[in-house]
């Protein structure tokens, strides 16, 4: 039933379609998420599975150019509205084009939902509606949940006053791609894992001050120190643990002071501390 999630991309509220879809679902049409949640109990045949997959794959292919047209018509309308020399008639004509493009997407949404419904037998339909679990959220609910979690994590990173690491960007990009593909459940699970790996809730505890004098300086040759520093910079881009990043901010501040004072031994001690923390993590 994985392909059922493909339809989610058609139900995106970005073009103000969400209200229509929600109203249609109230009439008894079935959301793909709901069908996927109870598919085992519906005992779908191999033929039904194939028909559902085929319908949703075709709908996704048709949706891409239609949504592209909507974006283009929206941009054209925005340009007209920003142009102080444009007339009301020109703006109205462009709005008609935009509404027509949006209507085509709504038509596809409706045809797809009805097509999904018609794959099921009357008995399966009745059972699916009876089994409709309250825990199965709509796309809007899932997106709101994802946004809330992402905003909490973003606020935690911004609170540190540092840019996101490359590892964070990569994980975030993967989650964003899942959302764009309509795989919201997978995106939610991936975001939960990222939050867990970030340990951002542990930021509530104040970090202990580090006594860098306890660490060995190691090789304090200037070229060696430079190489050690560059290696740590690269390794630092793999960090996702926010409390660790906050700890390393202390090291960064101390490093800059030691560097300004040309204290190679202290610089070495700080680098040794960071090397140990990264190895431990």
Protein backbone atom coordinates (compact mmCIF):
# COMPACT_ATOMS: atom_id res chain seq x y z
CA UNK A 1 0.00 0.00 0.00
CA UNK A 2 3.02 2.28 -0.11
CA UNK A 3 1.91 3.73 -3.45
CA UNK A 4 -1.29 4.99 -1.86
CA UNK A 5 0.82 7.71 -0.29
CA UNK A 6 1.44 9.06 -3.80
CA UNK A 7 -1.98 10.66 -3.74
CA UNK A 8 -0.99 12.85 -0.84
CA UNK A 9 0.88 15.12 -3.21
CA UNK A 10 -2.45 15.85 -4.88
CA UNK A 11 -3.99 16.91 -1.60
CA UNK A 12 -1.51 19.64 -0.82
CA UNK A 13 -3.18 22.80 0.58
CA UNK A 14 -0.65 25.07 -1.09
CA UNK A 15 -3.11 26.02 -3.81
CA UNK A 16 -6.12 26.36 -1.51
CA UNK A 17 -7.47 22.91 -2.41
CA UNK A 18 -7.48 21.52 1.11
CA UNK A 19 -10.91 22.88 1.99
CA UNK A 20 -12.50 21.18 -1.04
CA UNK A 21 -10.82 17.85 -0.30
CA UNK A 22 -11.89 17.96 3.35
CA UNK A 23 -15.48 18.62 2.31
CA UNK A 24 -15.42 15.74 -0.17
CA UNK A 25 -14.08 13.37 2.47
CA UNK A 26 -17.08 14.22 4.65
CA UNK A 27 -19.36 12.75 1.95
CA UNK A 28 -17.88 9.30 2.40
CA UNK A 29 -14.96 9.37 -0.01
CA UNK A 30 -11.93 7.67 1.48
CA UNK A 31 -8.59 9.30 2.15
CA UNK A 32 -5.65 7.14 0.98
CA UNK A 33 -4.12 7.33 4.46
CA UNK A 34 -7.22 5.74 5.89
CA UNK A 35 -7.24 2.95 3.31
CA UNK A 36 -3.57 2.24 4.01
CA UNK A 37 -4.26 2.12 7.76
CA UNK A 38 -6.92 -0.59 7.42
CA UNK A 39 -5.75 -2.33 4.24
CA UNK A 40 -5.03 -5.63 6.02
CA UNK A 41 -8.52 -5.75 7.46
CA UNK A 42 -10.06 -4.92 4.08
CA UNK A 43 -8.31 -7.95 2.56
CA UNK A 44 -7.61 -6.23 -0.74
CA UNK A 45 -6.98 -8.61 -3.60
CA UNK A 46 -3.85 -8.48 -5.73
CA UNK A 47 -5.96 -7.02 -8.54
CA UNK A 48 -7.28 -4.27 -6.27
CA UNK A 49 -3.77 -3.47 -5.10
CA UNK A 50 -2.63 -3.21 -8.70
CA UNK A 51 -5.56 -1.02 -9.71
CA UNK A 52 -4.97 1.33 -6.79
CA UNK A 53 -1.28 1.60 -7.57
CA UNK A 54 -1.98 2.22 -11.23
CA UNK A 55 -4.57 4.91 -10.53
CA UNK A 56 -2.39 6.75 -8.05
CA UNK A 57 0.72 6.56 -10.22
CA UNK A 58 -1.23 7.99 -13.15
CA UNK A 59 -2.72 10.71 -10.95
CA UNK A 60 0.73 11.74 -9.78
CA UNK A 61 1.98 12.00 -13.36
CA UNK A 62 -0.99 14.18 -14.32
CA UNK A 63 -0.63 16.31 -11.21
CA UNK A 64 2.92 17.48 -11.92
CA UNK A 65 2.20 19.54 -15.08
CA UNK A 66 -1.11 20.79 -13.66
CA UNK A 67 0.52 22.08 -10.49
CA UNK A 68 3.32 23.62 -12.56
CA UNK A 69 0.71 25.52 -14.53
CA UNK A 70 -0.92 26.74 -11.32
CA UNK A 71 2.42 28.08 -10.09
CA UNK A 72 3.10 29.82 -13.39
CA UNK A 73 -0.32 31.44 -13.50
CA UNK A 74 0.03 32.53 -9.86
CA UNK A 75 3.41 34.12 -10.61
CA UNK A 76 1.94 35.89 -13.64
CA UNK A 77 -0.87 37.29 -11.51
CA UNK A 78 1.59 38.42 -8.84
CA UNK A 79 3.66 40.24 -11.46
CA UNK A 80 0.56 42.04 -12.73
CA UNK A 81 -0.48 43.05 -9.24
CA UNK A 82 3.01 44.40 -8.55
CA UNK A 83 2.97 46.39 -11.80
CA UNK A 84 1.36 49.75 -11.01
CA UNK A 85 0.65 50.29 -14.73
CA UNK A 86 -1.44 47.11 -15.12
CA UNK A 87 -5.21 47.45 -15.48
CA UNK A 88 -7.98 45.79 -13.49
CA UNK A 89 -9.11 44.04 -16.69
CA UNK A 90 -5.67 42.52 -17.23
CA UNK A 91 -5.50 41.35 -13.62
CA UNK A 92 -9.02 39.93 -13.84
CA UNK A 93 -8.17 38.03 -17.04
CA UNK A 94 -5.08 36.55 -15.40
CA UNK A 95 -7.12 35.58 -12.33
CA UNK A 96 -9.48 33.68 -14.64
CA UNK A 97 -6.48 31.75 -15.99
CA UNK A 98 -5.33 30.95 -12.47
CA UNK A 99 -8.78 29.76 -11.40
CA UNK A 100 -8.99 27.60 -14.49
CA UNK A 101 -5.63 26.01 -13.69
CA UNK A 102 -6.70 25.39 -10.09
CA UNK A 103 -9.98 23.90 -11.31
CA UNK A 104 -8.05 21.36 -13.36
CA UNK A 105 -6.19 20.24 -10.23
CA UNK A 106 -9.46 19.97 -8.31
CA UNK A 107 -10.95 17.89 -11.10
CA UNK A 108 -8.00 15.52 -10.93
CA UNK A 109 -8.27 15.31 -7.15
CA UNK A 110 -11.96 14.48 -7.33
CA UNK A 111 -11.58 11.93 -10.13
CA UNK A 112 -8.77 10.23 -8.22
CA UNK A 113 -10.68 10.05 -4.94
CA UNK A 114 -13.73 8.62 -6.71
CA UNK A 115 -11.51 6.19 -8.60
CA UNK A 116 -9.95 5.00 -5.35
CA UNK A 117 -13.43 4.52 -3.88
CA UNK A 118 -14.60 2.51 -6.88
CA UNK A 119 -11.79 0.00 -6.54
CA UNK A 120 -13.33 -1.23 -3.29
CA UNK A 121 -16.39 -3.45 -3.10
CA UNK A 122 -19.51 -2.13 -1.32
CA UNK A 123 -18.68 -4.40 1.61
CA UNK A 124 -15.11 -3.13 1.79
CA UNK A 125 -16.34 0.45 1.61
CA UNK A 126 -18.74 -0.11 4.46
CA UNK A 127 -16.06 -1.81 6.53
CA UNK A 128 -13.48 0.88 5.78
CA UNK A 129 -15.83 3.62 6.92
CA UNK A 130 -16.65 1.66 10.06
CA UNK A 131 -12.97 1.07 10.78
CA UNK A 132 -11.98 4.64 10.06
CA UNK A 133 -9.62 5.14 13.02
CA UNK A 134 -9.67 8.53 14.76
CA UNK A 135 -5.90 8.46 14.97
CA UNK A 136 -5.45 8.70 11.19
CA UNK A 137 -4.78 12.36 10.54
CA UNK A 138 -5.44 14.40 7.44
CA UNK A 139 -2.55 15.85 5.50
CA UNK A 140 -3.24 19.24 7.07
CA UNK A 141 -3.05 17.73 10.55
CA UNK A 142 0.19 15.93 9.76
CA UNK A 143 1.75 19.02 8.20
CA UNK A 144 0.82 21.11 11.24
CA UNK A 145 2.37 18.47 13.49
CA UNK A 146 5.53 18.39 11.38
CA UNK A 147 5.77 22.19 11.32
CA UNK A 148 5.42 22.37 15.09
CA UNK A 149 8.21 19.86 15.66
CA UNK A 150 10.45 21.46 13.04
CA UNK A 151 9.92 24.92 14.53
CA UNK A 152 10.91 23.67 17.98
CA UNK A 153 14.10 22.17 16.60
CA UNK A 154 14.83 25.27 14.51
CA UNK A 155 14.37 27.52 17.54
CA UNK A 156 16.80 25.36 19.52
CA UNK A 157 19.45 25.66 16.79
CA UNK A 158 18.92 29.39 16.37
CA UNK A 159 19.15 29.80 20.14
CA UNK A 160 22.74 28.59 19.95
CA UNK A 161 23.54 31.39 17.53
CA UNK A 162 25.36 29.14 15.09
CA UNK A 163 24.56 27.96 11.56
CA UNK A 164 23.25 24.46 11.05
CA UNK A 165 25.87 21.81 10.36
CA UNK A 166 26.10 19.97 7.06
CA UNK A 167 24.76 16.83 8.74
CA UNK A 168 21.70 18.74 9.94
CA UNK A 169 21.13 20.21 6.49
CA UNK A 170 21.37 16.77 4.89
CA UNK A 171 18.90 15.22 7.33
CA UNK A 172 16.58 18.18 6.94
CA UNK A 173 16.78 17.88 3.16
CA UNK A 174 15.81 14.21 3.33
CA UNK A 175 12.79 15.08 5.47
CA UNK A 176 11.79 17.88 3.12
CA UNK A 177 11.96 15.49 0.16
CA UNK A 178 9.72 13.00 1.97
CA UNK A 179 7.19 15.77 2.56
CA UNK A 180 7.29 16.83 -1.09
CA UNK A 181 6.78 13.20 -2.10
CA UNK A 182 3.71 13.02 0.12
CA UNK A 183 5.28 10.49 2.48
CA UNK A 184 4.27 12.37 5.62
CA UNK A 185 4.32 9.40 7.97
CA UNK A 186 7.90 8.63 6.94
CA UNK A 187 8.80 12.32 7.25
CA UNK A 188 7.33 12.43 10.74
CA UNK A 189 9.33 9.36 11.78
CA UNK A 190 12.51 10.82 10.29
CA UNK A 191 11.94 14.12 12.07
CA UNK A 192 11.36 12.30 15.36
CA UNK A 193 14.68 10.52 14.88
CA UNK A 194 16.44 13.79 14.08
CA UNK A 195 14.99 15.37 17.23
CA UNK A 196 16.13 12.37 19.25
CA UNK A 197 19.63 12.54 17.77
CA UNK A 198 19.81 16.30 18.38
CA UNK A 199 19.10 15.90 22.13
CA UNK A 200 17.73 19.42 21.96
CA UNK A 201 15.55 18.94 25.05
CA UNK A 202 18.74 18.49 27.05
CA UNK A 203 19.61 22.12 26.33
CA UNK A 204 17.48 23.07 29.33
CA UNK A 205 20.36 22.03 31.61
CA UNK A 206 23.17 24.55 31.89
CA UNK A 207 26.54 23.30 30.57
CA UNK A 208 29.44 22.93 32.96
CA UNK A 209 32.43 25.22 32.50
CA UNK A 210 35.40 23.41 30.99
CA UNK A 211 38.85 23.59 32.55
CA UNK A 212 41.05 23.28 29.48
CA UNK A 213 44.23 23.25 31.59
CA UNK A 214 43.52 19.62 32.48
CA UNK A 215 44.16 18.49 28.91
CA UNK A 216 47.48 17.76 27.26
CA UNK A 217 48.46 20.21 24.51
CA UNK A 218 49.79 17.57 22.16
CA UNK A 219 51.99 18.68 19.27
CA UNK A 220 52.03 22.51 19.32
CA UNK A 221 53.92 22.98 16.07
CA UNK A 222 51.97 25.71 14.24
CA UNK A 223 51.45 23.66 11.09
CA UNK A 224 50.29 20.69 13.14
CA UNK A 225 47.92 22.90 15.11
CA UNK A 226 46.50 24.22 11.86
CA UNK A 227 45.94 20.72 10.51
CA UNK A 228 44.32 19.61 13.77
CA UNK A 229 42.02 22.62 13.68
CA UNK A 230 41.00 22.03 10.05
CA UNK A 231 40.32 18.35 10.77
CA UNK A 232 38.07 19.32 13.67
CA UNK A 233 36.23 21.87 11.55
CA UNK A 234 35.38 19.14 9.03
CA UNK A 235 34.38 16.71 11.76
CA UNK A 236 32.23 19.39 13.37
CA UNK A 237 30.01 19.50 10.30
CA UNK A 238 28.89 15.94 11.11
CA UNK A 239 27.53 16.92 14.53
CA UNK A 240 23.80 16.82 15.20
CA UNK A 241 23.96 16.70 19.00
CA UNK A 242 23.01 20.27 20.06
CA UNK A 243 24.23 20.08 23.68
CA UNK A 244 27.60 18.96 22.29
CA UNK A 245 27.63 21.90 19.91
CA UNK A 246 26.91 24.21 22.82
CA UNK A 247 29.83 22.69 24.73
CA UNK A 248 32.09 23.27 21.76
CA UNK A 249 31.08 26.92 21.67
CA UNK A 250 32.97 27.31 24.94
CA UNK A 251 35.97 25.76 23.27
CA UNK A 252 35.61 28.08 20.29
CA UNK A 253 35.57 31.18 22.46
CA UNK A 254 38.58 29.97 24.45
CA UNK A 255 40.34 29.04 21.21
CA UNK A 256 39.90 32.53 19.77
CA UNK A 257 41.28 34.08 22.96
CA UNK A 258 44.27 31.74 23.00
CA UNK A 259 44.88 32.36 19.31
CA UNK A 260 44.78 36.12 19.81
CA UNK A 261 47.25 35.77 22.70
CA UNK A 262 49.43 33.53 20.51
CA UNK A 263 49.33 30.89 23.25
CA UNK A 264 50.09 27.76 21.23
CA UNK A 265 50.07 25.52 24.30
CA UNK A 266 46.56 26.59 25.30
CA UNK A 267 45.39 26.22 21.72
CA UNK A 268 46.74 22.66 21.79
CA UNK A 269 44.95 21.89 25.05
CA UNK A 270 41.65 23.17 23.65
CA UNK A 271 42.07 21.12 20.47
CA UNK A 272 42.82 18.03 22.55
CA UNK A 273 39.61 18.59 24.50
CA UNK A 274 37.57 18.93 21.30
CA UNK A 275 39.21 15.89 19.74
CA UNK A 276 38.28 13.86 22.82
CA UNK A 277 34.69 15.07 22.84
CA UNK A 278 34.18 14.26 19.20
CA UNK A 279 35.70 10.83 19.61
CA UNK A 280 33.50 10.18 22.66
CA UNK A 281 30.35 11.28 20.85
